[in-house]
Amino acid sequence: MDYFKEYAGTKTYRDLIEEYYKEHKLKRDPDYVKEIAPQFEYNIYIRDFLNDNPDKSKRDAIEHWKIKKSMRGNNKYVRSDLKNKI
């Protein structure tokens, strides 16, 4: 959809379909990480937290997110967030 919105009026549906197949092929690559738009801070935080702490659960990530967003400053995950009490 991002591709379609970006090129509205300049690309054909065939171009859109070809782009879809490229994206679909990329998703099969285990090293592929799709960029999350900046307005989705929660999703970015959860993904970064879980990548940095494979031994933690999503529930742990959510609890740390709640603490992080209640504090002043940015909402990006940093390792020191683990020091915050749940």
N, C-alpha and C. Protein backbone atom coordinates (compact mmCIF):
# COMPACT_ATOMS: atom_id res chain seq x y z
N MET A 1 0.82 -1.20 0.00
CA MET A 1 0.00 0.00 0.00
C MET A 1 0.87 1.26 0.00
N ASP A 2 1.98 1.22 0.72
CA ASP A 2 2.87 2.39 0.74
C ASP A 2 3.36 2.72 -0.66
N TYR A 3 3.71 1.68 -1.40
CA TYR A 3 4.19 1.86 -2.76
C TYR A 3 3.10 2.50 -3.62
N PHE A 4 1.88 1.99 -3.48
CA PHE A 4 0.76 2.49 -4.26
C PHE A 4 0.48 3.96 -3.93
N LYS A 5 0.50 4.30 -2.66
CA LYS A 5 0.27 5.69 -2.24
C LYS A 5 1.37 6.61 -2.74
N GLU A 6 2.60 6.13 -2.65
CA GLU A 6 3.75 6.96 -3.05
C GLU A 6 3.74 7.26 -4.54
N TYR A 7 3.31 6.32 -5.32
CA TYR A 7 3.35 6.48 -6.78
C TYR A 7 1.96 6.60 -7.39
N ALA A 8 0.99 7.08 -6.63
CA ALA A 8 -0.38 7.21 -7.12
C ALA A 8 -0.41 8.05 -8.40
N GLY A 9 -1.06 7.49 -9.41
CA GLY A 9 -1.20 8.20 -10.67
C GLY A 9 -0.04 8.05 -11.62
N THR A 10 1.08 7.51 -11.16
CA THR A 10 2.25 7.37 -12.04
C THR A 10 2.60 5.92 -12.33
N LYS A 11 2.03 5.00 -11.60
CA LYS A 11 2.32 3.58 -11.80
C LYS A 11 1.03 2.84 -12.15
N THR A 12 1.19 1.72 -12.81
CA THR A 12 0.04 0.90 -13.20
C THR A 12 -0.19 -0.19 -12.15
N TYR A 13 -1.32 -0.86 -12.30
CA TYR A 13 -1.58 -1.99 -11.41
C TYR A 13 -0.57 -3.10 -11.63
N ARG A 14 -0.07 -3.25 -12.84
CA ARG A 14 0.97 -4.24 -13.10
C ARG A 14 2.22 -3.93 -12.28
N ASP A 15 2.59 -2.64 -12.21
CA ASP A 15 3.74 -2.23 -11.40
C ASP A 15 3.49 -2.56 -9.93
N LEU A 16 2.28 -2.32 -9.48
CA LEU A 16 1.91 -2.62 -8.09
C LEU A 16 2.03 -4.11 -7.81
N ILE A 17 1.56 -4.93 -8.71
CA ILE A 17 1.63 -6.39 -8.54
C ILE A 17 3.08 -6.86 -8.50
N GLU A 18 3.91 -6.32 -9.39
CA GLU A 18 5.33 -6.69 -9.39
C GLU A 18 5.99 -6.29 -8.08
N GLU A 19 5.65 -5.13 -7.57
CA GLU A 19 6.21 -4.68 -6.29
C GLU A 19 5.74 -5.59 -5.16
N TYR A 20 4.48 -6.03 -5.21
CA TYR A 20 3.95 -6.95 -4.21
C TYR A 20 4.77 -8.25 -4.19
N TYR A 21 5.05 -8.80 -5.37
CA TYR A 21 5.83 -10.04 -5.43
C TYR A 21 7.25 -9.84 -4.91
N LYS A 22 7.84 -8.68 -5.17
CA LYS A 22 9.18 -8.39 -4.62
C LYS A 22 9.13 -8.38 -3.10
N GLU A 23 8.12 -7.70 -2.54
CA GLU A 23 7.97 -7.62 -1.08
C GLU A 23 7.73 -9.01 -0.50
N HIS A 24 6.89 -9.78 -1.16
CA HIS A 24 6.57 -11.13 -0.69
C HIS A 24 7.84 -12.00 -0.67
N LYS A 25 8.68 -11.88 -1.68
CA LYS A 25 9.94 -12.62 -1.73
C LYS A 25 10.89 -12.18 -0.62
N LEU A 26 10.94 -10.88 -0.36
CA LEU A 26 11.79 -10.35 0.72
C LEU A 26 11.38 -10.91 2.07
N LYS A 27 10.09 -11.04 2.31
CA LYS A 27 9.59 -11.53 3.60
C LYS A 27 10.06 -12.94 3.90
N ARG A 28 10.39 -13.70 2.89
CA ARG A 28 10.88 -15.07 3.08
C ARG A 28 12.32 -15.09 3.58
N ASP A 29 13.03 -14.01 3.36
CA ASP A 29 14.43 -13.91 3.79
C ASP A 29 14.47 -13.74 5.32
N PRO A 30 15.11 -14.64 6.04
CA PRO A 30 15.13 -14.55 7.51
C PRO A 30 15.85 -13.30 8.04
N ASP A 31 16.69 -12.68 7.22
CA ASP A 31 17.41 -11.49 7.66
C ASP A 31 16.65 -10.19 7.36
N TYR A 32 15.53 -10.31 6.67
CA TYR A 32 14.76 -9.13 6.29
C TYR A 32 14.00 -8.59 7.50
N VAL A 33 14.15 -7.30 7.75
CA VAL A 33 13.42 -6.63 8.82
C VAL A 33 12.71 -5.43 8.20
N LYS A 34 11.40 -5.48 8.21
CA LYS A 34 10.63 -4.39 7.63
C LYS A 34 10.72 -3.17 8.53
N GLU A 35 10.89 -2.03 7.92
CA GLU A 35 10.96 -0.78 8.67
C GLU A 35 9.57 -0.45 9.21
N ILE A 36 9.52 -0.05 10.47
CA ILE A 36 8.27 0.36 11.09
C ILE A 36 8.23 1.89 11.07
N ALA A 37 7.14 2.44 10.62
CA ALA A 37 7.00 3.90 10.54
C ALA A 37 7.16 4.52 11.92
N PRO A 38 7.78 5.70 12.00
CA PRO A 38 8.09 6.33 13.28
C PRO A 38 6.89 6.56 14.20
N GLN A 39 5.70 6.73 13.64
CA GLN A 39 4.55 7.01 14.51
C GLN A 39 4.11 5.78 15.31
N PHE A 40 4.64 4.61 14.98
CA PHE A 40 4.29 3.39 15.70
C PHE A 40 5.35 3.07 16.75
N GLU A 41 5.51 3.98 17.70
CA GLU A 41 6.54 3.86 18.73
C GLU A 41 6.39 2.58 19.55
N TYR A 42 5.16 2.21 19.85
CA TYR A 42 4.91 1.01 20.64
C TYR A 42 5.50 -0.22 19.93
N ASN A 43 5.17 -0.38 18.64
CA ASN A 43 5.65 -1.54 17.89
C ASN A 43 7.17 -1.56 17.81
N ILE A 44 7.77 -0.40 17.60
CA ILE A 44 9.22 -0.30 17.52
C ILE A 44 9.84 -0.71 18.86
N TYR A 45 9.27 -0.18 19.94
CA TYR A 45 9.80 -0.48 21.28
C TYR A 45 9.72 -1.98 21.57
N ILE A 46 8.55 -2.58 21.30
CA ILE A 46 8.37 -4.00 21.58
C ILE A 46 9.36 -4.84 20.78
N ARG A 47 9.51 -4.54 19.49
CA ARG A 47 10.43 -5.32 18.65
C ARG A 47 11.87 -5.16 19.15
N ASP A 48 12.29 -3.94 19.46
CA ASP A 48 13.65 -3.71 19.92
C ASP A 48 13.89 -4.39 21.27
N PHE A 49 12.92 -4.31 22.16
CA PHE A 49 13.03 -4.94 23.48
C PHE A 49 13.22 -6.45 23.34
N LEU A 50 12.36 -7.08 22.54
CA LEU A 50 12.42 -8.54 22.39
C LEU A 50 13.68 -8.99 21.66
N ASN A 51 14.15 -8.20 20.71
CA ASN A 51 15.40 -8.55 20.02
C ASN A 51 16.59 -8.48 20.97
N ASP A 52 16.57 -7.53 21.89
CA ASP A 52 17.68 -7.36 22.83
C ASP A 52 17.58 -8.30 24.02
N ASN A 53 16.38 -8.82 24.29
CA ASN A 53 16.14 -9.68 25.46
C ASN A 53 15.38 -10.93 25.06
N PRO A 54 16.01 -11.86 24.36
CA PRO A 54 15.28 -13.05 23.90
C PRO A 54 14.74 -13.92 25.03
N ASP A 55 15.28 -13.75 26.22
CA ASP A 55 14.80 -14.54 27.35
C ASP A 55 13.56 -13.93 28.00
N LYS A 56 13.16 -12.74 27.60
CA LYS A 56 11.99 -12.06 28.16
C LYS A 56 10.77 -12.33 27.29
N SER A 57 9.59 -12.12 27.87
CA SER A 57 8.34 -12.35 27.15
C SER A 57 7.77 -11.04 26.62
N LYS A 58 6.77 -11.18 25.78
CA LYS A 58 6.10 -9.98 25.27
C LYS A 58 5.44 -9.24 26.41
N ARG A 59 4.95 -9.96 27.38
CA ARG A 59 4.33 -9.32 28.55
C ARG A 59 5.35 -8.44 29.28
N ASP A 60 6.59 -8.93 29.40
CA ASP A 60 7.65 -8.11 30.01
C ASP A 60 7.87 -6.84 29.20
N ALA A 61 7.91 -6.99 27.88
CA ALA A 61 8.12 -5.84 26.99
C ALA A 61 7.01 -4.81 27.17
N ILE A 62 5.78 -5.27 27.26
CA ILE A 62 4.64 -4.37 27.43
C ILE A 62 4.73 -3.63 28.76
N GLU A 63 5.10 -4.34 29.82
CA GLU A 63 5.23 -3.70 31.13
C GLU A 63 6.31 -2.62 31.11
N HIS A 64 7.43 -2.90 30.48
CA HIS A 64 8.49 -1.91 30.38
C HIS A 64 8.07 -0.74 29.50
N TRP A 65 7.28 -1.01 28.46
CA TRP A 65 6.77 0.06 27.60
C TRP A 65 5.89 1.02 28.40
N LYS A 66 5.03 0.47 29.24
CA LYS A 66 4.13 1.30 30.05
C LYS A 66 4.93 2.23 30.95
N ILE A 67 6.00 1.71 31.53
CA ILE A 67 6.86 2.54 32.38
C ILE A 67 7.55 3.61 31.53
N LYS A 68 8.10 3.19 30.41
CA LYS A 68 8.85 4.09 29.54
C LYS A 68 7.99 5.25 29.05
N LYS A 69 6.77 4.97 28.61
CA LYS A 69 5.93 6.04 28.07
C LYS A 69 5.42 6.99 29.15
N SER A 70 5.46 6.57 30.41
CA SER A 70 5.03 7.46 31.49
C SER A 70 6.15 8.40 31.92
N MET A 71 7.35 8.17 31.42
CA MET A 71 8.50 9.00 31.79
C MET A 71 8.72 10.09 30.74
N ARG A 72 9.41 11.13 31.13
CA ARG A 72 9.75 12.19 30.20
C ARG A 72 10.84 11.71 29.24
N GLY A 73 10.88 12.32 28.08
CA GLY A 73 11.91 11.97 27.11
C GLY A 73 11.33 11.13 25.98
N ASN A 74 12.23 10.57 25.19
CA ASN A 74 11.75 9.77 24.05
C ASN A 74 11.31 8.39 24.51
N ASN A 75 10.64 7.70 23.62
CA ASN A 75 10.10 6.38 23.94
C ASN A 75 10.87 5.26 23.26
N LYS A 76 12.11 5.50 22.91
CA LYS A 76 12.92 4.46 22.27
C LYS A 76 13.48 3.52 23.34
N TYR A 77 13.57 2.26 22.98
CA TYR A 77 14.11 1.27 23.90
C TYR A 77 15.61 1.48 24.08
N VAL A 78 16.04 1.42 25.33
CA VAL A 78 17.46 1.39 25.66
C VAL A 78 17.63 0.30 26.73
N ARG A 79 18.78 -0.31 26.75
CA ARG A 79 19.02 -1.43 27.67
C ARG A 79 18.77 -1.04 29.13
N SER A 80 19.02 0.20 29.47
CA SER A 80 18.84 0.64 30.86
C SER A 80 17.36 0.63 31.27
N ASP A 81 16.44 0.46 30.33
CA ASP A 81 15.01 0.36 30.69
C ASP A 81 14.76 -0.84 31.59
N LEU A 82 15.62 -1.84 31.54
CA LEU A 82 15.44 -3.03 32.37
C LEU A 82 15.61 -2.72 33.84
N LYS A 83 16.28 -1.62 34.15
CA LYS A 83 16.49 -1.23 35.54
C LYS A 83 15.24 -0.64 36.17
N ASN A 84 14.29 -0.21 35.36
CA ASN A 84 13.04 0.36 35.87
C ASN A 84 12.21 -0.72 36.51
N LYS A 85 11.66 -0.43 37.66
CA LYS A 85 10.85 -1.40 38.40
C LYS A 85 9.51 -1.62 37.72
N ILE A 86 9.11 -2.88 37.65
CA ILE A 86 7.80 -3.22 37.08
C ILE A 86 6.80 -3.29 38.19
